[in-house]
Amino acid sequence: MNQASPMEIPANRDPLVRRVFDSVAANYDLMNDIMSLGVHRLWKQAMVTYLLPQAGQTILDVAGGTGDISYRILQQSPDSRIISLDINQAMLTVGRDRAIDSGLDDRIDHLVGTAESLPLNDSSVHAYTIAFGLRNVSQRTKALSEARRVLKPGGKFICLEFNHIESASLDTVYQQWSRMIPQFGEWIAKDRLAYEYLVESIRRFPKQSELASEIEAAGLGRVGWRNYSFGIVALHYGVRL
């Protein structure tokens, strides 16, 4: 992607996000392996380890898509209940089919919906997770407020997202790699535009400290973050007090 002429992302990105993930759903997991050289698996497992799910808990996984986080939660806590919510039906269909094939469909509810208007009652879930999805939300402030609304007191908010490398030399290498991703998207997923969007959405995402301030402003407490892979990815967290 030519950084001198980045693609335009509309203020309401929901139609674009639906179009992008309709296109890439079948190849999404493969492209994740390619884009991260497989390291996304370690990042996701670190997220679930930090979550520390407990038997009997109800956990909302927003942007749940193909089910990677849901399956990892259930591997660690088989008696948890998962609500996997995504704006994109095609992604949820892949996740639902995988759940059926794995015999997990009785423990995962799949819902189409947006992060800004969750179809859940107040104080109804023990934890809220979102992995590589917050940057696709049109109204991040509203989504964070919704996260607080549906969490029970003491409930955890955990967000795993691509972020900003602090080392200038490493960032240069990372940017060079990022410019190759749309080409991989064209070869493998047959959709260059989708991966131009994904790269641009990462570039525009707020830095770690800025996102932490947004999470605090939404009313969550004990907010912080952990960098992984030199800040390529950060795990942000908070608690509904």
Protein backbone atom coordinates (compact mmCIF):
# COMPACT_ATOMS: atom_id res chain seq x y z
CA MET A 1 0.00 0.00 0.00
CA ASN A 2 1.28 3.48 -0.83
CA GLN A 3 1.40 5.33 2.48
CA ALA A 4 1.58 8.67 0.64
CA SER A 5 -1.97 8.06 -0.58
CA PRO A 6 -3.73 6.04 2.17
CA MET A 7 -7.19 4.74 1.40
CA GLU A 8 -10.14 6.73 2.68
CA ILE A 9 -12.06 5.23 5.59
CA PRO A 10 -15.55 6.72 6.07
CA ALA A 11 -16.73 7.91 9.47
CA ASN A 12 -19.38 5.19 9.39
CA ARG A 13 -17.23 2.24 8.48
CA ASP A 14 -19.86 -0.46 9.14
CA PRO A 15 -20.76 -1.04 5.44
CA LEU A 16 -17.06 -1.19 4.55
CA VAL A 17 -16.33 -3.62 7.40
CA ARG A 18 -19.21 -5.86 6.33
CA ARG A 19 -17.98 -5.84 2.74
CA VAL A 20 -14.37 -6.53 3.77
CA PHE A 21 -15.18 -9.46 6.02
CA ASP A 22 -17.80 -10.90 3.67
CA SER A 23 -14.94 -11.14 1.20
CA VAL A 24 -12.22 -12.54 3.46
CA ALA A 25 -14.21 -14.80 5.83
CA ALA A 26 -13.18 -18.07 4.18
CA ASN A 27 -9.47 -17.15 4.23
CA TYR A 28 -9.39 -15.02 7.38
CA ASP A 29 -7.54 -17.46 9.62
CA LEU A 30 -4.99 -18.30 6.93
CA MET A 31 -4.32 -14.62 6.32
CA ASN A 32 -3.85 -14.07 10.06
CA ASP A 33 -1.14 -16.73 10.02
CA ILE A 34 0.56 -15.03 7.07
CA MET A 35 0.28 -11.45 8.35
CA SER A 36 1.62 -12.29 11.82
CA LEU A 37 3.88 -15.20 10.79
CA GLY A 38 1.71 -17.33 13.08
CA VAL A 39 2.42 -15.25 16.19
CA HIS A 40 -1.25 -14.22 16.48
CA ARG A 41 -1.85 -17.61 18.09
CA LEU A 42 0.51 -16.73 20.94
CA TRP A 43 -1.03 -13.28 21.36
CA LYS A 44 -4.53 -14.75 21.57
CA GLN A 45 -3.47 -17.40 24.06
CA ALA A 46 -1.85 -14.71 26.21
CA MET A 47 -5.16 -12.85 26.13
CA VAL A 48 -7.14 -15.84 27.35
CA THR A 49 -4.52 -16.66 29.99
CA TYR A 50 -4.85 -13.11 31.32
CA LEU A 51 -8.65 -13.41 31.24
CA LEU A 52 -8.50 -16.47 33.51
CA PRO A 53 -12.05 -17.64 32.71
CA GLN A 54 -13.93 -19.49 35.45
CA ALA A 55 -16.57 -22.22 35.35
CA GLY A 56 -20.09 -20.85 35.10
CA GLN A 57 -19.07 -17.45 33.76
CA THR A 58 -20.77 -15.84 30.79
CA ILE A 59 -18.22 -14.19 28.51
CA LEU A 60 -19.04 -11.86 25.64
CA ASP A 61 -16.57 -12.06 22.75
CA VAL A 62 -17.17 -9.05 20.49
CA ALA A 63 -15.94 -9.32 16.90
CA GLY A 64 -15.96 -13.03 17.67
CA GLY A 65 -15.83 -13.94 14.00
CA THR A 66 -14.42 -17.37 13.29
CA GLY A 67 -14.26 -18.29 16.97
CA ASP A 68 -10.55 -18.29 17.82
CA ILE A 69 -11.03 -16.62 21.21
CA SER A 70 -14.17 -18.59 22.04
CA TYR A 71 -12.42 -21.91 21.49
CA ARG A 72 -9.41 -20.90 23.55
CA ILE A 73 -11.67 -19.81 26.42
CA LEU A 74 -13.53 -23.12 26.35
CA GLN A 75 -10.27 -25.07 26.25
CA GLN A 76 -9.23 -23.31 29.45
CA SER A 77 -12.68 -23.29 31.06
CA PRO A 78 -15.03 -25.87 29.46
CA ASP A 79 -17.95 -24.86 31.68
CA SER A 80 -17.95 -21.21 30.62
CA ARG A 81 -20.69 -19.86 28.38
CA ILE A 82 -19.68 -17.76 25.37
CA ILE A 83 -21.65 -15.17 23.46
CA SER A 84 -19.85 -14.58 20.16
CA LEU A 85 -21.06 -11.35 18.57
CA ASP A 86 -20.00 -9.99 15.21
CA ILE A 87 -21.29 -7.41 12.74
CA ASN A 88 -20.63 -9.83 9.91
CA GLN A 89 -22.84 -12.88 9.29
CA ALA A 90 -20.28 -14.54 7.00
CA MET A 91 -17.66 -14.54 9.74
CA LEU A 92 -20.16 -15.87 12.29
CA THR A 93 -21.18 -18.62 9.90
CA VAL A 94 -17.58 -19.80 9.70
CA GLY A 95 -17.39 -19.69 13.50
CA ARG A 96 -20.70 -21.51 13.95
CA ASP A 97 -19.70 -24.25 11.52
CA ARG A 98 -16.40 -24.72 13.35
CA ALA A 99 -18.26 -24.89 16.65
CA ILE A 100 -20.59 -27.57 15.30
CA ASP A 101 -17.67 -29.56 13.90
CA SER A 102 -15.89 -29.30 17.27
CA GLY A 103 -18.94 -30.23 19.32
CA LEU A 104 -18.96 -26.82 21.03
CA ASP A 105 -22.14 -25.37 19.54
CA ASP A 106 -24.09 -25.95 22.79
CA ARG A 107 -21.71 -23.61 24.67
CA ILE A 108 -21.44 -20.76 22.17
CA ASP A 109 -24.29 -18.43 21.19
CA HIS A 110 -23.69 -16.62 17.90
CA LEU A 111 -25.26 -13.17 17.54
CA VAL A 112 -25.15 -10.60 14.75
CA GLY A 113 -24.78 -7.14 16.21
CA THR A 114 -22.59 -4.08 16.64
CA ALA A 115 -20.26 -3.14 19.47
CA GLU A 116 -22.05 0.22 19.76
CA SER A 117 -25.45 -1.33 20.48
CA LEU A 118 -25.08 -4.66 22.23
CA PRO A 119 -28.28 -6.76 22.36
CA LEU A 120 -27.66 -7.63 26.02
CA ASN A 121 -29.00 -6.52 29.39
CA ASP A 122 -27.11 -4.29 31.80
CA SER A 123 -24.63 -6.10 34.07
CA SER A 124 -25.18 -9.42 32.29
CA VAL A 125 -21.67 -10.76 31.53
CA HIS A 126 -18.63 -11.58 33.64
CA ALA A 127 -16.12 -10.56 30.97
CA TYR A 128 -15.94 -8.71 27.66
CA THR A 129 -13.26 -9.63 25.15
CA ILE A 130 -12.49 -8.14 21.75
CA ALA A 131 -9.51 -9.29 19.67
CA PHE A 132 -8.45 -7.31 16.61
CA GLY A 133 -11.91 -5.79 16.33
CA LEU A 134 -11.95 -2.46 18.14
CA ARG A 135 -10.20 -0.68 15.28
CA ASN A 136 -13.12 -1.68 13.01
CA VAL A 137 -15.71 0.05 15.19
CA SER A 138 -17.18 3.29 13.85
CA GLN A 139 -17.94 4.85 17.26
CA ARG A 140 -15.25 3.62 19.64
CA THR A 141 -16.38 5.82 22.55
CA LYS A 142 -19.89 4.41 22.38
CA ALA A 143 -18.56 0.84 22.09
CA LEU A 144 -16.44 1.26 25.22
CA SER A 145 -19.44 2.65 27.11
CA GLU A 146 -21.49 -0.35 25.98
CA ALA A 147 -18.75 -2.65 27.24
CA ARG A 148 -19.02 -1.10 30.69
CA ARG A 149 -22.83 -1.27 30.61
CA VAL A 150 -23.05 -5.01 30.02
CA LEU A 151 -20.28 -5.98 32.46
CA LYS A 152 -21.18 -7.11 35.95
CA PRO A 153 -19.45 -5.25 38.81
CA GLY A 154 -15.95 -6.69 38.96
CA GLY A 155 -16.21 -7.88 35.36
CA LYS A 156 -13.15 -7.69 33.12
CA PHE A 157 -12.73 -5.75 29.90
CA ILE A 158 -9.92 -7.11 27.70
CA CYS A 159 -8.95 -5.83 24.27
CA LEU A 160 -6.20 -7.28 22.08
CA GLU A 161 -5.29 -5.02 19.20
CA PHE A 162 -2.51 -4.08 16.82
CA ASN A 163 -0.78 -1.01 18.19
CA HIS A 164 2.33 1.13 17.90
CA ILE A 165 5.96 0.05 18.13
CA GLU A 166 8.07 2.35 20.29
CA SER A 167 11.38 1.50 18.61
CA ALA A 168 11.85 3.59 15.44
CA SER A 169 14.15 1.01 13.80
CA LEU A 170 11.76 -1.87 14.44
CA ASP A 171 8.83 0.26 13.31
CA THR A 172 10.55 0.84 9.96
CA VAL A 173 10.82 -2.91 9.40
CA TYR A 174 7.21 -3.40 10.50
CA GLN A 175 5.95 -0.71 8.09
CA GLN A 176 7.82 -2.35 5.24
CA TRP A 177 6.17 -5.67 6.08
CA SER A 178 2.76 -4.00 6.34
CA ARG A 179 3.08 -2.64 2.81
CA MET A 180 3.34 -6.23 1.57
CA ILE A 181 0.12 -7.39 3.23
CA PRO A 182 -2.31 -6.09 0.55
CA GLN A 183 -0.36 -8.06 -2.05
CA PHE A 184 -0.74 -11.23 0.02
CA GLY A 185 -4.43 -10.41 0.31
CA GLU A 186 -4.68 -10.18 -3.47
CA TRP A 187 -2.89 -13.49 -3.98
CA ILE A 188 -4.59 -15.54 -1.27
CA ALA A 189 -7.94 -13.92 -0.43
CA LYS A 190 -8.37 -12.42 -3.93
CA ASP A 191 -9.14 -9.06 -2.36
CA ARG A 192 -6.42 -6.42 -2.20
CA LEU A 193 -8.77 -3.66 -1.07
CA ALA A 194 -9.79 -5.58 2.04
CA TYR A 195 -6.22 -5.78 3.25
CA GLU A 196 -5.45 -2.21 2.29
CA TYR A 197 -8.27 -1.33 4.67
CA LEU A 198 -6.91 -3.57 7.42
CA VAL A 199 -3.43 -2.03 7.19
CA GLU A 200 -4.84 1.50 7.15
CA SER A 201 -7.11 0.78 10.13
CA ILE A 202 -4.04 -0.31 12.12
CA ARG A 203 -2.15 2.83 11.13
CA ARG A 204 -5.00 5.06 12.35
CA PHE A 205 -5.57 3.28 15.66
CA PRO A 206 -4.69 5.31 18.78
CA LYS A 207 -1.46 4.71 20.65
CA GLN A 208 -1.47 2.65 23.83
CA SER A 209 -1.68 5.57 26.25
CA GLU A 210 -4.41 7.25 24.19
CA LEU A 211 -6.58 4.13 24.14
CA ALA A 212 -6.07 3.64 27.88
CA SER A 213 -7.41 7.17 28.42
CA GLU A 214 -10.46 6.36 26.29
CA ILE A 215 -11.13 3.22 28.33
CA GLU A 216 -10.90 5.19 31.58
CA ALA A 217 -13.21 7.87 30.17
CA ALA A 218 -15.81 5.15 29.52
CA GLY A 219 -15.93 4.52 33.26
CA LEU A 220 -13.74 1.45 33.63
CA GLY A 221 -11.16 1.25 36.38
CA ARG A 222 -7.76 -0.40 36.93
CA VAL A 223 -6.93 0.35 33.32
CA GLY A 224 -3.59 -0.62 31.83
CA TRP A 225 -1.91 -2.44 28.98
CA ARG A 226 0.79 -4.96 28.15
CA ASN A 227 2.85 -4.79 24.97
CA TYR A 228 3.62 -7.94 23.02
CA SER A 229 6.19 -8.29 20.23
CA PHE A 230 7.71 -4.86 20.98
CA GLY A 231 4.30 -3.15 20.78
CA ILE A 232 3.08 -4.57 17.50
CA VAL A 233 0.17 -5.76 19.62
CA ALA A 234 -1.05 -4.53 22.99
CA LEU A 235 -3.40 -6.14 25.51
CA HIS A 236 -5.56 -3.44 27.09
CA TYR A 237 -7.58 -4.19 30.18
CA GLY A 238 -9.94 -2.65 32.72
CA VAL A 239 -12.53 -3.58 35.33
CA ARG A 240 -16.14 -2.55 35.90
CA LEU A 241 -15.96 -1.19 39.43
